[in-house]
Structure formats: structure tokens, C-alpha cells
N, C-alpha and C. Protein backbone atom coordinates (compact mmCIF):
# COMPACT_ATOMS: atom_id res chain seq x y z
N MET A 1 19.54 -2.12 31.92
CA MET A 1 18.20 -2.52 32.31
C MET A 1 17.28 -1.30 32.42
N ARG A 2 17.78 -0.21 32.99
CA ARG A 2 16.97 0.99 33.14
C ARG A 2 16.61 1.59 31.78
N ILE A 3 17.52 1.51 30.83
CA ILE A 3 17.27 2.07 29.51
C ILE A 3 16.15 1.30 28.82
N VAL A 4 16.16 -0.01 28.93
CA VAL A 4 15.13 -0.83 28.31
C VAL A 4 13.78 -0.54 28.95
N LEU A 5 13.73 -0.44 30.27
CA LEU A 5 12.49 -0.15 30.97
C LEU A 5 11.97 1.24 30.59
N LEU A 6 12.84 2.21 30.51
CA LEU A 6 12.44 3.56 30.12
C LEU A 6 11.91 3.56 28.68
N PHE A 7 12.55 2.82 27.79
CA PHE A 7 12.11 2.72 26.40
C PHE A 7 10.72 2.09 26.32
N LEU A 8 10.46 1.05 27.07
CA LEU A 8 9.17 0.39 27.06
C LEU A 8 8.07 1.30 27.59
N ILE A 9 8.36 2.06 28.60
CA ILE A 9 7.38 2.99 29.16
C ILE A 9 7.08 4.11 28.17
N ALA A 10 8.13 4.65 27.55
CA ALA A 10 7.95 5.75 26.61
C ALA A 10 7.17 5.31 25.36
N CYS A 11 7.44 4.13 24.86
CA CYS A 11 6.77 3.67 23.64
C CYS A 11 5.39 3.11 23.92
N GLY A 12 5.18 2.57 25.08
CA GLY A 12 3.89 1.95 25.39
C GLY A 12 2.81 2.94 25.75
N GLY A 13 3.14 4.18 26.08
CA GLY A 13 2.15 5.14 26.53
C GLY A 13 1.43 5.87 25.40
N LYS A 14 1.85 5.68 24.18
CA LYS A 14 1.25 6.40 23.05
C LYS A 14 0.19 5.53 22.39
N PRO A 15 -1.07 6.02 22.30
CA PRO A 15 -2.10 5.20 21.68
C PRO A 15 -1.87 5.07 20.18
N ALA A 16 -2.30 3.96 19.63
CA ALA A 16 -2.17 3.72 18.19
C ALA A 16 -3.10 4.67 17.43
N PRO A 17 -2.67 5.14 16.26
CA PRO A 17 -3.55 6.03 15.49
C PRO A 17 -4.76 5.27 14.99
N GLU A 18 -5.89 5.98 14.86
CA GLU A 18 -7.12 5.36 14.36
C GLU A 18 -6.94 5.01 12.90
N PRO A 19 -7.40 3.83 12.48
CA PRO A 19 -7.29 3.49 11.06
C PRO A 19 -8.25 4.36 10.23
N LYS A 20 -7.83 4.69 9.00
CA LYS A 20 -8.69 5.48 8.13
C LYS A 20 -9.85 4.64 7.65
N LYS A 21 -11.03 5.29 7.56
CA LYS A 21 -12.21 4.61 7.05
C LYS A 21 -12.11 4.51 5.54
N LEU A 22 -12.51 3.38 5.00
CA LEU A 22 -12.60 3.22 3.56
C LEU A 22 -14.07 3.34 3.19
N CYS A 23 -14.41 4.36 2.44
CA CYS A 23 -15.78 4.61 2.06
C CYS A 23 -16.01 4.17 0.62
N ASP A 24 -17.15 3.55 0.39
CA ASP A 24 -17.52 3.19 -0.97
C ASP A 24 -17.76 4.46 -1.77
N SER A 25 -17.43 4.41 -3.04
CA SER A 25 -17.71 5.52 -3.95
C SER A 25 -18.92 5.19 -4.80
N PRO A 26 -19.67 6.20 -5.18
CA PRO A 26 -20.81 5.93 -6.06
C PRO A 26 -20.32 5.52 -7.45
N GLU A 27 -21.18 4.85 -8.18
CA GLU A 27 -20.87 4.52 -9.57
C GLU A 27 -20.72 5.82 -10.36
N PRO A 28 -19.89 5.84 -11.40
CA PRO A 28 -19.74 7.06 -12.21
C PRO A 28 -21.09 7.56 -12.71
N GLY A 29 -21.34 8.84 -12.51
CA GLY A 29 -22.59 9.45 -12.95
C GLY A 29 -23.75 9.27 -11.98
N GLN A 30 -23.53 8.57 -10.87
CA GLN A 30 -24.59 8.33 -9.89
C GLN A 30 -24.36 9.20 -8.66
N ALA A 31 -25.43 9.50 -7.94
CA ALA A 31 -25.35 10.26 -6.69
C ALA A 31 -24.92 9.33 -5.55
N MET A 32 -24.34 9.90 -4.51
CA MET A 32 -23.98 9.14 -3.31
C MET A 32 -25.24 8.71 -2.58
N THR A 33 -25.14 7.61 -1.87
CA THR A 33 -26.21 7.21 -0.97
C THR A 33 -25.99 7.95 0.35
N GLN A 34 -26.96 7.88 1.23
CA GLN A 34 -26.81 8.50 2.54
C GLN A 34 -25.64 7.85 3.29
N ALA A 35 -25.50 6.53 3.20
CA ALA A 35 -24.40 5.83 3.89
C ALA A 35 -23.04 6.27 3.35
N GLN A 36 -22.92 6.44 2.05
CA GLN A 36 -21.65 6.88 1.45
C GLN A 36 -21.31 8.29 1.90
N CYS A 37 -22.30 9.15 2.00
CA CYS A 37 -22.07 10.52 2.46
C CYS A 37 -21.68 10.53 3.94
N GLU A 38 -22.41 9.82 4.76
CA GLU A 38 -22.13 9.80 6.20
C GLU A 38 -20.80 9.13 6.51
N CYS A 39 -20.36 8.20 5.68
CA CYS A 39 -19.05 7.58 5.87
C CYS A 39 -17.94 8.62 5.76
N ARG A 40 -18.17 9.66 5.01
CA ARG A 40 -17.20 10.75 4.84
C ARG A 40 -17.36 11.82 5.94
N GLU A 41 -18.11 11.46 6.98
CA GLU A 41 -18.38 12.36 8.11
C GLU A 41 -19.06 13.64 7.61
N ALA A 42 -19.99 13.45 6.68
CA ALA A 42 -20.74 14.57 6.10
C ALA A 42 -22.23 14.31 6.31
N ARG A 43 -23.05 15.20 5.78
CA ARG A 43 -24.50 15.06 5.92
C ARG A 43 -25.17 15.31 4.58
N VAL A 44 -26.35 14.75 4.42
CA VAL A 44 -27.12 14.95 3.19
C VAL A 44 -28.08 16.11 3.41
N VAL A 45 -28.06 17.06 2.49
CA VAL A 45 -29.00 18.17 2.47
C VAL A 45 -29.92 17.92 1.29
N LEU A 46 -31.21 17.72 1.56
CA LEU A 46 -32.16 17.38 0.50
C LEU A 46 -32.69 18.63 -0.21
N SER A 47 -32.98 18.47 -1.46
CA SER A 47 -33.57 19.54 -2.27
C SER A 47 -34.97 19.84 -1.74
N THR A 48 -35.32 21.13 -1.74
CA THR A 48 -36.66 21.53 -1.30
C THR A 48 -37.59 21.77 -2.47
N GLY A 49 -37.06 21.77 -3.69
CA GLY A 49 -37.89 21.99 -4.87
C GLY A 49 -38.02 23.45 -5.25
N ILE A 50 -37.43 24.35 -4.49
CA ILE A 50 -37.45 25.78 -4.81
C ILE A 50 -36.42 26.01 -5.93
N ALA A 51 -36.72 26.94 -6.83
CA ALA A 51 -35.86 27.17 -8.00
C ALA A 51 -34.41 27.50 -7.62
N VAL A 52 -34.21 28.41 -6.68
CA VAL A 52 -32.85 28.78 -6.26
C VAL A 52 -32.64 28.22 -4.86
N GLU A 53 -31.65 27.37 -4.73
CA GLU A 53 -31.42 26.73 -3.44
C GLU A 53 -29.98 26.91 -2.98
N VAL A 54 -29.80 26.97 -1.68
CA VAL A 54 -28.48 26.93 -1.08
C VAL A 54 -28.20 25.46 -0.78
N HIS A 55 -27.15 24.94 -1.35
CA HIS A 55 -26.85 23.52 -1.17
C HIS A 55 -26.31 23.24 0.22
N CYS A 56 -25.18 23.83 0.55
CA CYS A 56 -24.51 23.59 1.84
C CYS A 56 -24.41 24.90 2.61
N GLU A 57 -24.16 24.80 3.90
CA GLU A 57 -23.97 25.99 4.73
C GLU A 57 -22.70 26.72 4.29
N ALA A 58 -22.54 27.97 4.70
CA ALA A 58 -21.39 28.78 4.30
C ALA A 58 -20.06 28.18 4.72
N ASP A 59 -20.03 27.49 5.87
CA ASP A 59 -18.77 26.92 6.36
C ASP A 59 -18.58 25.46 5.91
N GLU A 60 -19.41 24.99 5.00
CA GLU A 60 -19.31 23.62 4.50
C GLU A 60 -18.92 23.64 3.03
N ARG A 61 -18.46 22.48 2.55
CA ARG A 61 -18.21 22.36 1.13
C ARG A 61 -19.01 21.18 0.60
N GLU A 62 -19.37 21.24 -0.64
CA GLU A 62 -20.15 20.20 -1.28
C GLU A 62 -19.22 19.08 -1.75
N LEU A 63 -19.48 17.85 -1.30
CA LEU A 63 -18.67 16.71 -1.70
C LEU A 63 -19.23 16.03 -2.94
N GLY A 64 -20.46 16.33 -3.28
CA GLY A 64 -21.10 15.74 -4.45
C GLY A 64 -22.60 15.66 -4.26
N THR A 65 -23.27 15.13 -5.26
CA THR A 65 -24.72 14.97 -5.15
C THR A 65 -25.02 13.71 -4.34
N ALA A 66 -26.20 13.72 -3.72
CA ALA A 66 -26.62 12.58 -2.90
C ALA A 66 -28.11 12.34 -3.14
N LYS A 67 -28.55 11.18 -2.78
CA LYS A 67 -29.95 10.83 -2.99
C LYS A 67 -30.40 9.96 -1.83
N ILE A 68 -31.59 10.27 -1.30
CA ILE A 68 -32.23 9.42 -0.30
C ILE A 68 -33.58 9.03 -0.89
N GLY A 69 -33.72 7.76 -1.21
CA GLY A 69 -34.93 7.30 -1.88
C GLY A 69 -35.04 7.98 -3.24
N GLU A 70 -36.15 8.67 -3.46
CA GLU A 70 -36.35 9.39 -4.72
C GLU A 70 -35.97 10.86 -4.63
N ARG A 71 -35.58 11.33 -3.42
CA ARG A 71 -35.27 12.75 -3.23
C ARG A 71 -33.80 13.02 -3.50
N ASP A 72 -33.56 14.07 -4.29
CA ASP A 72 -32.20 14.50 -4.62
C ASP A 72 -31.69 15.48 -3.59
N GLY A 73 -30.36 15.54 -3.48
CA GLY A 73 -29.75 16.48 -2.56
C GLY A 73 -28.25 16.55 -2.77
N TRP A 74 -27.54 16.99 -1.75
CA TRP A 74 -26.10 17.17 -1.82
C TRP A 74 -25.46 16.63 -0.55
N CYS A 75 -24.23 16.18 -0.68
CA CYS A 75 -23.46 15.70 0.47
C CYS A 75 -22.57 16.87 0.89
N CYS A 76 -22.76 17.37 2.11
CA CYS A 76 -22.06 18.56 2.60
C CYS A 76 -21.21 18.22 3.83
N LYS A 77 -20.01 18.77 3.84
CA LYS A 77 -19.11 18.58 4.99
C LYS A 77 -18.49 19.90 5.37
């Protein structure tokens, strides 16, 4: 009886792992939407129109191109 009770206490105290999010992918050749980028726990960095631009911060990586309305940008995480 004690073994069963100990087993139930030990197994019941561990929270279930969070389920992985399923994010939609953009169509081939298309940029991600803001929702698709944010689903990947990333952010959209919009183009400023300057010839030479830094896409993502130094500690981030570019996940792909993104678009908000008519403005182009990049999805950075």
C-alpha cells in the first residue's frame, strides 16, 4: 500500500509538458505574415527604405522575410 501511495505522489507532482505550437508556413515564395512570425516567438523588423540595412539584432537570427500590409521586412528571433 505504501509503495502505491508513494508512486502516485511521485508521478502526480510533475506538471505535463507544454504542447508544441503548430505554426502556419507561408506559401512557397511568399513572405511570412506578422501572425506567422509571432507564432514562432519572433518579431517583425520592417524595412526603413535605406539602401544598407541591418535586418536583425546581433543576437538574433533571421527566420525569413515578413510583410505587414505593403511594408516588407524580416522575421527575427
